[in-house]
Amino acid sequence: MAREITMDELLRKQREMSDKAQSMASEKDVDRIQAITAELEQEGRDLEKLAKDFERQELAKAGPPPRGKLEVVLTPGQRERVKKMTGVELTSVVVGDEMGVLSKAMPSTDPRDIELIAINEARKLAAHKDADVKMRAALADAVDEIEKTGFGEVVQMLDQLKADPNWMGGLFQKNKK
C-alpha cells in the first residue's frame, strides 16, 4: 500500500521551495544561482507530481460523485407558491447534475434556491404546454381549411394521412380518443 500524502507535506515542500527561491535574491555567485535554479526546477516537478498524486488519493477516498440528475421533492409550501405563480402543479423538480456537485451540496442548499429552480421549470412547462396548444390549434385550422377548399385527390390524400397513426406524431389519432 502506498504511503498517504498529507496536505501539510505539500505545504511544507512549497514553503521550502519558496524559502530557497528567496535566498537567491541575496546570492551574487552566478554558478550558485544556476545550481539553485536547477534544484528549484526539479523540486517544482516533484511537487507537481506529489500534488497530482494527492489529488488522486483524495478523489479515491471520496469515491465517485453521483452523476446525472437529481430529483428534489418540493415542500407543500413550495408547491403552493409555484402553483400560485405559474399555474403549474409540481411535486418535484429534476435538476441536471452531471458533475455531482449539487447532490454533494444539497444538505446546505437554501430552499429558496430550489424554489427558484422549480418556478423556472414550471414556467418552461407552462410555455411548452401553451405552445403545444397553439400548434395543435393552428394545425387543426390548416387541415380544416384544406378539407373545405381542397379537391378530390387532395382531400383523399389528407384522409389517408390522418388515418396514419404516425402522421404528425399521431396528433389526429389522439383526437379520436
C-alpha atoms as a PDB file:
ATOM      1  CA  MET A   1       0.000   0.000   0.000  1.00  0.00           C
ATOM      2  CA  ALA A   2       1.322   3.445  -0.954  1.00  0.00           C
ATOM      3  CA  ARG A   3       2.022   5.909   1.810  1.00  0.00           C
ATOM      4  CA  GLU A   4      -0.582   8.594   2.457  1.00  0.00           C
ATOM      5  CA  ILE A   5       0.239  12.082   1.279  1.00  0.00           C
ATOM      6  CA  THR A   6      -0.901  14.893   3.557  1.00  0.00           C
ATOM      7  CA  MET A   7      -1.742  18.498   2.845  1.00  0.00           C
ATOM      8  CA  ASP A   8       0.841  19.502   5.464  1.00  0.00           C
ATOM      9  CA  GLU A   9       3.519  17.685   3.471  1.00  0.00           C
ATOM     10  CA  LEU A  10       2.550  19.561   0.301  1.00  0.00           C
ATOM     11  CA  LEU A  11       2.540  22.909   2.090  1.00  0.00           C
ATOM     12  CA  ARG A  12       5.889  22.185   3.782  1.00  0.00           C
ATOM     13  CA  LYS A  13       7.546  21.383   0.443  1.00  0.00           C
ATOM     14  CA  GLN A  14       6.035  24.502  -1.098  1.00  0.00           C
ATOM     15  CA  ARG A  15       7.377  26.664   1.762  1.00  0.00           C
ATOM     16  CA  GLU A  16      10.845  25.097   1.406  1.00  0.00           C
ATOM     17  CA  MET A  17      10.850  25.954  -2.303  1.00  0.00           C
ATOM     18  CA  SER A  18       9.695  29.483  -1.585  1.00  0.00           C
ATOM     19  CA  ASP A  19      12.429  29.967   1.022  1.00  0.00           C
ATOM     20  CA  LYS A  20      15.032  28.622  -1.402  1.00  0.00           C
ATOM     21  CA  ALA A  21      13.817  30.977  -4.137  1.00  0.00           C
ATOM     22  CA  GLN A  22      14.001  33.945  -1.742  1.00  0.00           C
ATOM     23  CA  SER A  23      17.557  33.039  -0.796  1.00  0.00           C
ATOM     24  CA  MET A  24      18.586  33.610  -4.402  1.00  0.00           C
ATOM     25  CA  ALA A  25      17.817  37.329  -4.069  1.00  0.00           C
ATOM     26  CA  SER A  26      20.951  37.902  -1.999  1.00  0.00           C
ATOM     27  CA  GLU A  27      23.137  35.450  -3.948  1.00  0.00           C
ATOM     28  CA  LYS A  28      25.900  37.009  -6.067  1.00  0.00           C
ATOM     29  CA  ASP A  29      27.598  33.868  -7.400  1.00  0.00           C
ATOM     30  CA  VAL A  30      26.226  33.058 -10.872  1.00  0.00           C
ATOM     31  CA  ASP A  31      27.128  29.369 -10.627  1.00  0.00           C
ATOM     32  CA  ARG A  32      25.334  29.112  -7.285  1.00  0.00           C
ATOM     33  CA  ILE A  33      22.232  30.853  -8.753  1.00  0.00           C
ATOM     34  CA  GLN A  34      22.214  28.380 -11.652  1.00  0.00           C
ATOM     35  CA  ALA A  35      22.531  25.434  -9.254  1.00  0.00           C
ATOM     36  CA  ILE A  36      19.674  26.706  -7.065  1.00  0.00           C
ATOM     37  CA  THR A  37      17.547  27.321 -10.177  1.00  0.00           C
ATOM     38  CA  ALA A  38      18.151  23.740 -11.361  1.00  0.00           C
ATOM     39  CA  GLU A  39      17.245  22.428  -7.906  1.00  0.00           C
ATOM     40  CA  LEU A  40      14.044  24.527  -7.890  1.00  0.00           C
ATOM     41  CA  GLU A  41      13.087  23.220 -11.344  1.00  0.00           C
ATOM     42  CA  GLN A  42      13.415  19.622 -10.164  1.00  0.00           C
ATOM     43  CA  GLU A  43      11.650  20.332  -6.870  1.00  0.00           C
ATOM     44  CA  GLY A  44       8.850  22.033  -8.810  1.00  0.00           C
ATOM     45  CA  ARG A  45       8.356  18.928 -10.971  1.00  0.00           C
ATOM     46  CA  ASP A  46       8.442  16.742  -7.861  1.00  0.00           C
ATOM     47  CA  LEU A  47       5.909  18.972  -6.092  1.00  0.00           C
ATOM     48  CA  GLU A  48       3.605  18.923  -9.116  1.00  0.00           C
ATOM     49  CA  LYS A  49       3.720  15.095  -9.207  1.00  0.00           C
ATOM     50  CA  LEU A  50       3.100  14.931  -5.463  1.00  0.00           C
ATOM     51  CA  ALA A  51       0.115  17.301  -5.795  1.00  0.00           C
ATOM     52  CA  LYS A  52      -1.377  15.174  -8.587  1.00  0.00           C
ATOM     53  CA  ASP A  53      -0.860  12.018  -6.516  1.00  0.00           C
ATOM     54  CA  PHE A  54      -2.523  13.780  -3.569  1.00  0.00           C
ATOM     55  CA  GLU A  55      -5.487  14.740  -5.759  1.00  0.00           C
ATOM     56  CA  ARG A  56      -5.895  11.129  -6.990  1.00  0.00           C
ATOM     57  CA  GLN A  57      -5.619   9.877  -3.415  1.00  0.00           C
ATOM     58  CA  GLU A  58      -8.296  12.247  -2.127  1.00  0.00           C
ATOM     59  CA  LEU A  59     -10.658  11.539  -5.043  1.00  0.00           C
ATOM     60  CA  ALA A  60     -10.262   7.812  -4.407  1.00  0.00           C
ATOM     61  CA  LYS A  61     -11.158   8.337  -0.741  1.00  0.00           C
ATOM     62  CA  ALA A  62     -14.262  10.343  -1.619  1.00  0.00           C
ATOM     63  CA  GLY A  63     -15.457   7.868  -4.210  1.00  0.00           C
ATOM     64  CA  PRO A  64     -17.196   8.894  -7.376  1.00  0.00           C
ATOM     65  CA  PRO A  65     -19.779  11.647  -7.028  1.00  0.00           C
ATOM     66  CA  PRO A  66     -23.343  10.862  -8.052  1.00  0.00           C
ATOM     67  CA  ARG A  67     -23.811  11.836 -11.669  1.00  0.00           C
ATOM     68  CA  GLY A  68     -26.669  12.575 -13.940  1.00  0.00           C
ATOM     69  CA  LYS A  69     -29.780  14.051 -12.444  1.00  0.00           C
ATOM     70  CA  LEU A  70     -31.082  14.891  -9.040  1.00  0.00           C
ATOM     71  CA  GLU A  71     -34.757  14.934  -8.130  1.00  0.00           C
ATOM     72  CA  VAL A  72     -35.730  17.309  -5.361  1.00  0.00           C
ATOM     73  CA  VAL A  73     -39.152  16.909  -3.758  1.00  0.00           C
ATOM     74  CA  LEU A  74     -40.812  20.230  -3.044  1.00  0.00           C
ATOM     75  CA  THR A  75     -42.328  21.064   0.314  1.00  0.00           C
ATOM     76  CA  PRO A  76     -46.078  21.745   0.463  1.00  0.00           C
ATOM     77  CA  GLY A  77     -45.342  25.471   0.814  1.00  0.00           C
ATOM     78  CA  GLN A  78     -43.055  25.444  -2.214  1.00  0.00           C
ATOM     79  CA  ARG A  79     -45.669  23.566  -4.260  1.00  0.00           C
ATOM     80  CA  GLU A  80     -48.306  26.117  -3.329  1.00  0.00           C
ATOM     81  CA  ARG A  81     -46.137  29.109  -4.230  1.00  0.00           C
ATOM     82  CA  VAL A  82     -45.038  27.548  -7.524  1.00  0.00           C
ATOM     83  CA  LYS A  83     -48.650  26.859  -8.498  1.00  0.00           C
ATOM     84  CA  LYS A  84     -49.758  30.347  -7.473  1.00  0.00           C
ATOM     85  CA  MET A  85     -47.017  31.971  -9.576  1.00  0.00           C
ATOM     86  CA  THR A  86     -47.163  29.734 -12.642  1.00  0.00           C
ATOM     87  CA  GLY A  87     -50.429  27.823 -12.603  1.00  0.00           C
ATOM     88  CA  VAL A  88     -48.458  24.562 -12.819  1.00  0.00           C
ATOM     89  CA  GLU A  89     -48.543  21.862 -10.147  1.00  0.00           C
ATOM     90  CA  LEU A  90     -45.108  20.425  -9.423  1.00  0.00           C
ATOM     91  CA  THR A  91     -44.384  17.909  -6.686  1.00  0.00           C
ATOM     92  CA  SER A  92     -40.686  17.714  -7.506  1.00  0.00           C
ATOM     93  CA  VAL A  93     -38.106  19.172  -9.819  1.00  0.00           C
ATOM     94  CA  VAL A  94     -35.384  17.267 -11.680  1.00  0.00           C
ATOM     95  CA  VAL A  95     -32.083  19.084 -11.920  1.00  0.00           C
ATOM     96  CA  GLY A  96     -29.178  18.132 -14.161  1.00  0.00           C
ATOM     97  CA  ASP A  97     -26.125  17.365 -12.050  1.00  0.00           C
ATOM     98  CA  GLU A  98     -23.536  15.780 -14.342  1.00  0.00           C
ATOM     99  CA  MET A  99     -20.596  16.552 -12.064  1.00  0.00           C
ATOM    100  CA  GLY A 100     -22.367  15.558  -8.843  1.00  0.00           C
ATOM    101  CA  VAL A 101     -21.749  18.977  -7.300  1.00  0.00           C
ATOM    102  CA  LEU A 102     -25.374  19.751  -6.453  1.00  0.00           C
ATOM    103  CA  SER A 103     -26.002  16.407  -4.795  1.00  0.00           C
ATOM    104  CA  LYS A 104     -22.967  16.930  -2.544  1.00  0.00           C
ATOM    105  CA  ALA A 105     -24.073  20.481  -1.694  1.00  0.00           C
ATOM    106  CA  MET A 106     -27.754  19.618  -1.191  1.00  0.00           C
ATOM    107  CA  PRO A 107     -27.686  19.466   2.620  1.00  0.00           C
ATOM    108  CA  SER A 108     -26.616  23.110   2.789  1.00  0.00           C
ATOM    109  CA  THR A 109     -28.643  24.370  -0.187  1.00  0.00           C
ATOM    110  CA  ASP A 110     -31.061  27.188   0.582  1.00  0.00           C
ATOM    111  CA  PRO A 111     -34.670  26.032  -0.008  1.00  0.00           C
ATOM    112  CA  ARG A 112     -35.325  29.339  -1.801  1.00  0.00           C
ATOM    113  CA  ASP A 113     -32.790  28.313  -4.454  1.00  0.00           C
ATOM    114  CA  ILE A 114     -34.691  25.080  -5.047  1.00  0.00           C
ATOM    115  CA  GLU A 115     -37.939  27.042  -5.213  1.00  0.00           C
ATOM    116  CA  LEU A 116     -36.469  29.331  -7.888  1.00  0.00           C
ATOM    117  CA  ILE A 117     -35.402  26.299  -9.913  1.00  0.00           C
ATOM    118  CA  ALA A 118     -38.926  24.873  -9.539  1.00  0.00           C
ATOM    119  CA  ILE A 119     -40.534  28.157 -10.603  1.00  0.00           C
ATOM    120  CA  ASN A 120     -38.334  28.338 -13.689  1.00  0.00           C
ATOM    121  CA  GLU A 121     -39.121  24.713 -14.545  1.00  0.00           C
ATOM    122  CA  ALA A 122     -42.854  25.330 -14.086  1.00  0.00           C
ATOM    123  CA  ARG A 123     -42.669  28.384 -16.353  1.00  0.00           C
ATOM    124  CA  LYS A 124     -40.942  26.298 -19.032  1.00  0.00           C
ATOM    125  CA  LEU A 125     -43.598  23.604 -18.731  1.00  0.00           C
ATOM    126  CA  ALA A 126     -46.364  26.201 -18.995  1.00  0.00           C
ATOM    127  CA  ALA A 127     -44.723  27.771 -22.062  1.00  0.00           C
ATOM    128  CA  HIS A 128     -44.348  24.356 -23.731  1.00  0.00           C
ATOM    129  CA  LYS A 129     -47.949  23.491 -22.981  1.00  0.00           C
ATOM    130  CA  ASP A 130     -49.132  26.838 -24.335  1.00  0.00           C
ATOM    131  CA  ALA A 131     -47.016  26.440 -27.484  1.00  0.00           C
ATOM    132  CA  ASP A 132     -48.314  22.879 -27.947  1.00  0.00           C
ATOM    133  CA  VAL A 133     -51.939  24.026 -27.632  1.00  0.00           C
ATOM    134  CA  LYS A 134     -51.340  26.837 -30.148  1.00  0.00           C
ATOM    135  CA  MET A 135     -49.552  24.493 -32.556  1.00  0.00           C
ATOM    136  CA  ARG A 136     -52.348  21.913 -32.372  1.00  0.00           C
ATOM    137  CA  ALA A 137     -54.981  24.623 -32.971  1.00  0.00           C
ATOM    138  CA  ALA A 138     -53.063  26.033 -35.951  1.00  0.00           C
ATOM    139  CA  LEU A 139     -52.615  22.543 -37.399  1.00  0.00           C
ATOM    140  CA  ALA A 140     -56.297  21.722 -36.935  1.00  0.00           C
ATOM    141  CA  ASP A 141     -57.240  25.025 -38.632  1.00  0.00           C
ATOM    142  CA  ALA A 142     -54.911  24.268 -41.545  1.00  0.00           C
ATOM    143  CA  VAL A 143     -56.348  20.767 -42.004  1.00  0.00           C
ATOM    144  CA  ASP A 144     -59.909  22.138 -41.798  1.00  0.00           C
ATOM    145  CA  GLU A 145     -59.056  24.735 -44.456  1.00  0.00           C
ATOM    146  CA  ILE A 146     -57.620  22.050 -46.719  1.00  0.00           C
ATOM    147  CA  GLU A 147     -60.737  19.904 -46.227  1.00  0.00           C
ATOM    148  CA  LYS A 148     -63.020  22.857 -47.084  1.00  0.00           C
ATOM    149  CA  THR A 149     -61.133  24.197 -50.091  1.00  0.00           C
ATOM    150  CA  GLY A 150     -59.357  21.081 -51.329  1.00  0.00           C
ATOM    151  CA  PHE A 151     -60.485  18.995 -54.251  1.00  0.00           C
ATOM    152  CA  GLY A 152     -60.873  15.233 -54.671  1.00  0.00           C
ATOM    153  CA  GLU A 153     -57.323  13.901 -54.652  1.00  0.00           C
ATOM    154  CA  VAL A 154     -56.066  16.355 -52.019  1.00  0.00           C
ATOM    155  CA  VAL A 155     -58.922  15.575 -49.618  1.00  0.00           C
ATOM    156  CA  GLN A 156     -58.498  11.853 -50.266  1.00  0.00           C
ATOM    157  CA  MET A 157     -54.740  12.068 -49.560  1.00  0.00           C
ATOM    158  CA  LEU A 158     -55.460  14.090 -46.393  1.00  0.00           C
ATOM    159  CA  ASP A 159     -57.887  11.409 -45.179  1.00  0.00           C
ATOM    160  CA  GLN A 160     -55.231   8.737 -45.761  1.00  0.00           C
ATOM    161  CA  LEU A 161     -52.638  10.775 -43.866  1.00  0.00           C
ATOM    162  CA  LYS A 162     -54.994  11.395 -40.940  1.00  0.00           C
ATOM    163  CA  ALA A 163     -55.625   7.635 -40.701  1.00  0.00           C
ATOM    164  CA  ASP A 164     -51.870   7.008 -40.326  1.00  0.00           C
ATOM    165  CA  PRO A 165     -51.080   6.810 -36.574  1.00  0.00           C
ATOM    166  CA  ASN A 166     -47.545   8.172 -37.220  1.00  0.00           C
ATOM    167  CA  TRP A 167     -48.523  11.221 -39.278  1.00  0.00           C
ATOM    168  CA  MET A 168     -47.943  14.443 -37.362  1.00  0.00           C
ATOM    169  CA  GLY A 169     -46.840  12.468 -34.340  1.00  0.00           C
ATOM    170  CA  GLY A 170     -50.222  10.729 -34.125  1.00  0.00           C
ATOM    171  CA  LEU A 171     -51.940  14.031 -33.377  1.00  0.00           C
ATOM    172  CA  PHE A 172     -55.114  13.112 -35.226  1.00  0.00           C
ATOM    173  CA  GLN A 173     -55.215   9.674 -33.611  1.00  0.00           C
ATOM    174  CA  LYS A 174     -55.066  11.255 -30.172  1.00  0.00           C
ATOM    175  CA  ASN A 175     -58.033  13.466 -31.008  1.00  0.00           C
ATOM    176  CA  LYS A 176     -60.185  10.398 -31.819  1.00  0.00           C
ATOM    177  CA  LYS A 177     -59.880   9.009 -28.308  1.00  0.00           C
END
